[in-house]
C-alpha atoms as a PDB file:
ATOM      1  CA  MET A   1     101.249-112.327  29.313  1.00  0.00           C
ATOM      2  CA  TRP A   2     101.148-115.366  27.258  1.00  0.00           C
ATOM      3  CA  PHE A   3      98.343-116.745  28.551  1.00  0.00           C
ATOM      4  CA  GLY A   4      96.325-114.635  26.516  1.00  0.00           C
ATOM      5  CA  THR A   5      98.126-114.709  23.053  1.00  0.00           C
ATOM      6  CA  ASP A   6      97.107-117.253  20.083  1.00  0.00           C
ATOM      7  CA  ILE A   7     100.617-117.502  18.771  1.00  0.00           C
ATOM      8  CA  GLY A   8     103.953-116.827  19.522  1.00  0.00           C
ATOM      9  CA  VAL A   9     106.251-115.426  16.467  1.00  0.00           C
ATOM     10  CA  VAL A  10     110.279-115.641  17.131  1.00  0.00           C
ATOM     11  CA  PRO A  11     111.484-113.565  13.855  1.00  0.00           C
ATOM     12  CA  SER A  12     114.361-113.193  14.982  1.00  0.00           C
ATOM     13  CA  THR A  13     116.991-112.651  11.583  1.00  0.00           C
ATOM     14  CA  GLU A  14     120.287-113.239  13.413  1.00  0.00           C
ATOM     15  CA  PRO A  15     120.651-117.138  15.456  1.00  0.00           C
ATOM     16  CA  GLU A  16     119.767-116.934  18.498  1.00  0.00           C
ATOM     17  CA  ALA A  17     121.802-119.055  21.410  1.00  0.00           C
ATOM     18  CA  PHE A  18     118.690-119.891  23.683  1.00  0.00           C
ATOM     19  CA  GLY A  19     115.604-119.322  22.365  1.00  0.00           C
ATOM     20  CA  MET A  20     113.813-118.277  26.364  1.00  0.00           C
ATOM     21  CA  VAL A  21     110.836-116.587  24.152  1.00  0.00           C
ATOM     22  CA  ALA A  22     109.435-119.825  22.100  1.00  0.00           C
ATOM     23  CA  ILE A  23     110.717-121.565  26.536  1.00  0.00           C
ATOM     24  CA  GLU A  24     107.534-119.165  28.306  1.00  0.00           C
ATOM     25  CA  ALA A  25     105.378-119.361  25.004  1.00  0.00           C
ATOM     26  CA  MET A  26     105.595-123.340  25.256  1.00  0.00           C
ATOM     27  CA  ALA A  27     105.350-123.082  28.709  1.00  0.00           C
ATOM     28  CA  ALA A  28     102.093-121.284  28.611  1.00  0.00           C
ATOM     29  CA  GLY A  29     100.524-123.898  25.470  1.00  0.00           C
ATOM     30  CA  VAL A  30     100.809-121.427  22.795  1.00  0.00           C
ATOM     31  CA  PRO A  31     102.325-122.290  19.435  1.00  0.00           C
ATOM     32  CA  VAL A  32     105.817-120.738  18.352  1.00  0.00           C
ATOM     33  CA  VAL A  33     106.095-119.593  14.724  1.00  0.00           C
ATOM     34  CA  ALA A  34     110.362-119.752  15.246  1.00  0.00           C
ATOM     35  CA  ALA A  35     113.062-118.773  12.485  1.00  0.00           C
ATOM     36  CA  GLY A  36     114.867-121.300  11.221  1.00  0.00           C
ATOM     37  CA  HIS A  37     117.934-121.208  12.925  1.00  0.00           C
ATOM     38  CA  GLY A  38     120.362-121.239  16.203  1.00  0.00           C
ATOM     39  CA  GLY A  39     119.183-122.856  19.542  1.00  0.00           C
ATOM     40  CA  LEU A  40     115.013-122.541  18.070  1.00  0.00           C
ATOM     41  CA  LEU A  41     115.753-125.414  15.806  1.00  0.00           C
ATOM     42  CA  ASP A  42     116.404-127.275  19.117  1.00  0.00           C
ATOM     43  CA  ILE A  43     113.850-126.736  20.805  1.00  0.00           C
ATOM     44  CA  VAL A  44     110.949-125.770  18.371  1.00  0.00           C
ATOM     45  CA  ILE A  45     109.978-129.050  16.724  1.00  0.00           C
ATOM     46  CA  HIS A  46     108.425-128.169  12.984  1.00  0.00           C
ATOM     47  CA  GLU A  47     104.893-129.377  13.028  1.00  0.00           C
ATOM     48  CA  LYS A  48     104.573-130.794  15.886  1.00  0.00           C
ATOM     49  CA  THR A  49     104.632-127.366  18.669  1.00  0.00           C
ATOM     50  CA  GLY A  50     104.955-124.554  16.705  1.00  0.00           C
ATOM     51  CA  LEU A  51     106.186-124.114  12.696  1.00  0.00           C
ATOM     52  CA  ILE A  52     109.583-123.155  11.438  1.00  0.00           C
ATOM     53  CA  PHE A  53     110.359-120.559   8.327  1.00  0.00           C
ATOM     54  CA  SER A  54     113.327-119.846   6.507  1.00  0.00           C
ATOM     55  CA  PRO A  55     114.966-116.528   8.123  1.00  0.00           C
ATOM     56  CA  GLY A  56     114.417-113.532   6.721  1.00  0.00           C
ATOM     57  CA  ASN A  57     111.551-114.924   3.936  1.00  0.00           C
ATOM     58  CA  THR A  58     108.369-112.758   5.030  1.00  0.00           C
ATOM     59  CA  PRO A  59     106.403-114.542   3.040  1.00  0.00           C
ATOM     60  CA  ALA A  60     106.963-117.722   4.922  1.00  0.00           C
ATOM     61  CA  LEU A  61     106.225-116.212   7.924  1.00  0.00           C
ATOM     62  CA  THR A  62     103.117-114.640   7.346  1.00  0.00           C
ATOM     63  CA  GLU A  63     101.911-118.051   5.859  1.00  0.00           C
ATOM     64  CA  ALA A  64     102.748-119.606   9.194  1.00  0.00           C
ATOM     65  CA  LEU A  65     101.409-117.237  10.602  1.00  0.00           C
ATOM     66  CA  GLU A  66      98.172-117.854   8.754  1.00  0.00           C
ATOM     67  CA  ARG A  67      98.015-121.522   8.911  1.00  0.00           C
ATOM     68  CA  LEU A  68      97.807-121.367  12.245  1.00  0.00           C
ATOM     69  CA  ALA A  69      95.101-118.430  13.055  1.00  0.00           C
ATOM     70  CA  SER A  70      93.130-119.990  10.634  1.00  0.00           C
ATOM     71  CA  SER A  71      92.891-123.257  12.471  1.00  0.00           C
ATOM     72  CA  ARG A  72      91.933-123.733  16.087  1.00  0.00           C
ATOM     73  CA  MET A  73      92.451-126.486  16.995  1.00  0.00           C
ATOM     74  CA  LEU A  74      96.128-126.868  15.104  1.00  0.00           C
ATOM     75  CA  ARG A  75      97.041-124.353  17.822  1.00  0.00           C
ATOM     76  CA  HIS A  76      95.522-126.050  20.191  1.00  0.00           C
ATOM     77  CA  SER A  77      97.421-129.242  19.111  1.00  0.00           C
ATOM     78  CA  TYR A  78     100.699-127.649  19.058  1.00  0.00           C
ATOM     79  CA  GLY A  79     100.304-125.718  21.973  1.00  0.00           C
ATOM     80  CA  ALA A  80      99.541-128.513  23.785  1.00  0.00           C
ATOM     81  CA  ALA A  81     102.781-130.518  22.795  1.00  0.00           C
ATOM     82  CA  GLY A  82     104.364-127.270  22.936  1.00  0.00           C
ATOM     83  CA  THR A  83     103.742-127.887  27.058  1.00  0.00           C
ATOM     84  CA  ILE A  84     104.940-131.388  27.410  1.00  0.00           C
ATOM     85  CA  ARG A  85     108.159-130.713  25.692  1.00  0.00           C
ATOM     86  CA  GLN A  86     108.987-127.504  27.575  1.00  0.00           C
ATOM     87  CA  GLN A  87     108.069-129.614  30.814  1.00  0.00           C
ATOM     88  CA  ASP A  88     110.062-132.531  29.315  1.00  0.00           C
ATOM     89  CA  PHE A  89     112.781-130.417  27.827  1.00  0.00           C
ATOM     90  CA  PHE A  90     113.548-127.114  29.183  1.00  0.00           C
ATOM     91  CA  SER A  91     111.501-126.822  32.837  1.00  0.00           C
ATOM     92  CA  LEU A  92     113.330-124.980  36.288  1.00  0.00           C
ATOM     93  CA  ASP A  93     112.076-128.380  38.022  1.00  0.00           C
ATOM     94  CA  LEU A  94     114.343-130.940  35.544  1.00  0.00           C
ATOM     95  CA  PHE A  95     117.727-128.563  36.075  1.00  0.00           C
ATOM     96  CA  ARG A  96     116.994-128.248  39.684  1.00  0.00           C
ATOM     97  CA  ASN A  97     116.638-131.856  39.696  1.00  0.00           C
ATOM     98  CA  LEU A  98     120.269-132.338  38.018  1.00  0.00           C
ATOM     99  CA  ASN A  99     122.611-132.867  40.701  1.00  0.00           C
ATOM    100  CA  PHE A 100     126.365-132.370  39.856  1.00  0.00           C
ATOM    101  CA  LYS A 101     129.092-133.262  41.925  1.00  0.00           C
ATOM    102  CA  LEU A 102     132.788-131.805  41.698  1.00  0.00           C
ATOM    103  CA  ASN A 103     135.336-133.458  43.312  1.00  0.00           C
ATOM    104  CA  VAL A 104     139.357-132.535  43.824  1.00  0.00           C
ATOM    105  CA  VAL A 105     140.804-136.084  42.970  1.00  0.00           C
ATOM    106  CA  TYR A 106     144.120-134.596  45.025  1.00  0.00           C
ATOM    107  CA  PRO A 107     144.683-132.754  48.461  1.00  0.00           C
ATOM    108  CA  CYS A 108     145.390-128.790  46.894  1.00  0.00           C
ATOM    109  CA  ASP A 109     149.346-129.363  49.299  1.00  0.00           C
ATOM    110  CA  GLN A 110     150.055-131.939  45.901  1.00  0.00           C
ATOM    111  CA  VAL A 111     149.116-128.667  43.459  1.00  0.00           C
ATOM    112  CA  LYS A 112     152.443-127.241  44.493  1.00  0.00           C
ATOM    113  CA  SER A 113     154.980-129.564  43.331  1.00  0.00           C
ATOM    114  CA  GLN A 114     152.780-129.381  39.908  1.00  0.00           C
ATOM    115  CA  PRO A 115     152.841-125.745  39.455  1.00  0.00           C
ATOM    116  CA  LYS A 116     152.057-126.457  35.264  1.00  0.00           C
ATOM    117  CA  THR A 117     149.367-128.426  35.766  1.00  0.00           C
ATOM    118  CA  PHE A 118     146.188-128.486  37.967  1.00  0.00           C
ATOM    119  CA  PRO A 119     145.282-132.003  39.159  1.00  0.00           C
ATOM    120  CA  PRO A 120     142.851-134.469  37.844  1.00  0.00           C
ATOM    121  CA  VAL A 121     139.284-133.961  38.892  1.00  0.00           C
ATOM    122  CA  ALA A 122     136.406-136.138  38.975  1.00  0.00           C
ATOM    123  CA  ILE A 123     133.263-134.787  37.555  1.00  0.00           C
ATOM    124  CA  THR A 124     130.223-136.715  38.785  1.00  0.00           C
ATOM    125  CA  ILE A 125     126.856-135.702  36.158  1.00  0.00           C
ATOM    126  CA  SER A 126     123.647-137.701  37.360  1.00  0.00           C
ATOM    127  CA  ASN A 127     120.260-136.715  36.872  1.00  0.00           C
ATOM    128  CA  ASN A 128     116.584-138.419  37.380  1.00  0.00           C
ATOM    129  CA  PHE A 129     116.335-139.177  34.195  1.00  0.00           C
ATOM    130  CA  LYS A 130     118.767-141.040  32.952  1.00  0.00           C
ATOM    131  CA  THR A 131     122.543-142.380  33.893  1.00  0.00           C
ATOM    132  CA  LEU A 132     125.662-142.291  32.174  1.00  0.00           C
ATOM    133  CA  ASP A 133     126.759-145.176  29.505  1.00  0.00           C
ATOM    134  CA  ARG A 134     130.591-144.624  30.661  1.00  0.00           C
ATOM    135  CA  ALA A 135     131.674-144.342  34.202  1.00  0.00           C
ATOM    136  CA  ASP A 136     130.445-142.767  36.867  1.00  0.00           C
ATOM    137  CA  ASP A 137     133.372-140.306  36.806  1.00  0.00           C
ATOM    138  CA  ILE A 138     134.749-138.407  34.295  1.00  0.00           C
ATOM    139  CA  PHE A 139     138.060-137.927  34.360  1.00  0.00           C
ATOM    140  CA  VAL A 140     139.747-134.066  33.405  1.00  0.00           C
ATOM    141  CA  GLN A 141     143.719-132.687  33.275  1.00  0.00           C
ATOM    142  CA  TYR A 142     143.325-128.962  33.347  1.00  0.00           C
ATOM    143  CA  THR A 143     146.525-127.498  31.992  1.00  0.00           C
ATOM    144  CA  PHE A 144     147.238-123.507  32.068  1.00  0.00           C
ATOM    145  CA  THR A 145     149.960-121.333  29.996  1.00  0.00           C
ATOM    146  CA  ARG A 146     151.978-118.457  31.985  1.00  0.00           C
END
């Protein structure tokens, strides 16, 4: 559906945690006009991958749509930049390449001797693009209440 579309519009009146519609449009090379709140602010880069307008501001939305509708070159430029951003930050391949490993440091029988806490857990998070600046393992102590 996106490949026959000139402009993707996400005029949400309430913030969205993650703007999947914007991501889908960007993956197809479609520039996005989005309301400036929630996760959309982390996805759409104003005047690079699309245009951001103030939520509920109909004249600003209209202006953004007219601006893109009147310039094929701008639509192409924002669409191409959006595809690159989607591939670099939001693609399925990126998330498939993340490696998560969870290791329990203490054997489960030691947990019985400390019924009010879980054992420390070592979590190693790495991916193909960068390494952590800190130690490879992050130690977390989980507690629960009764």
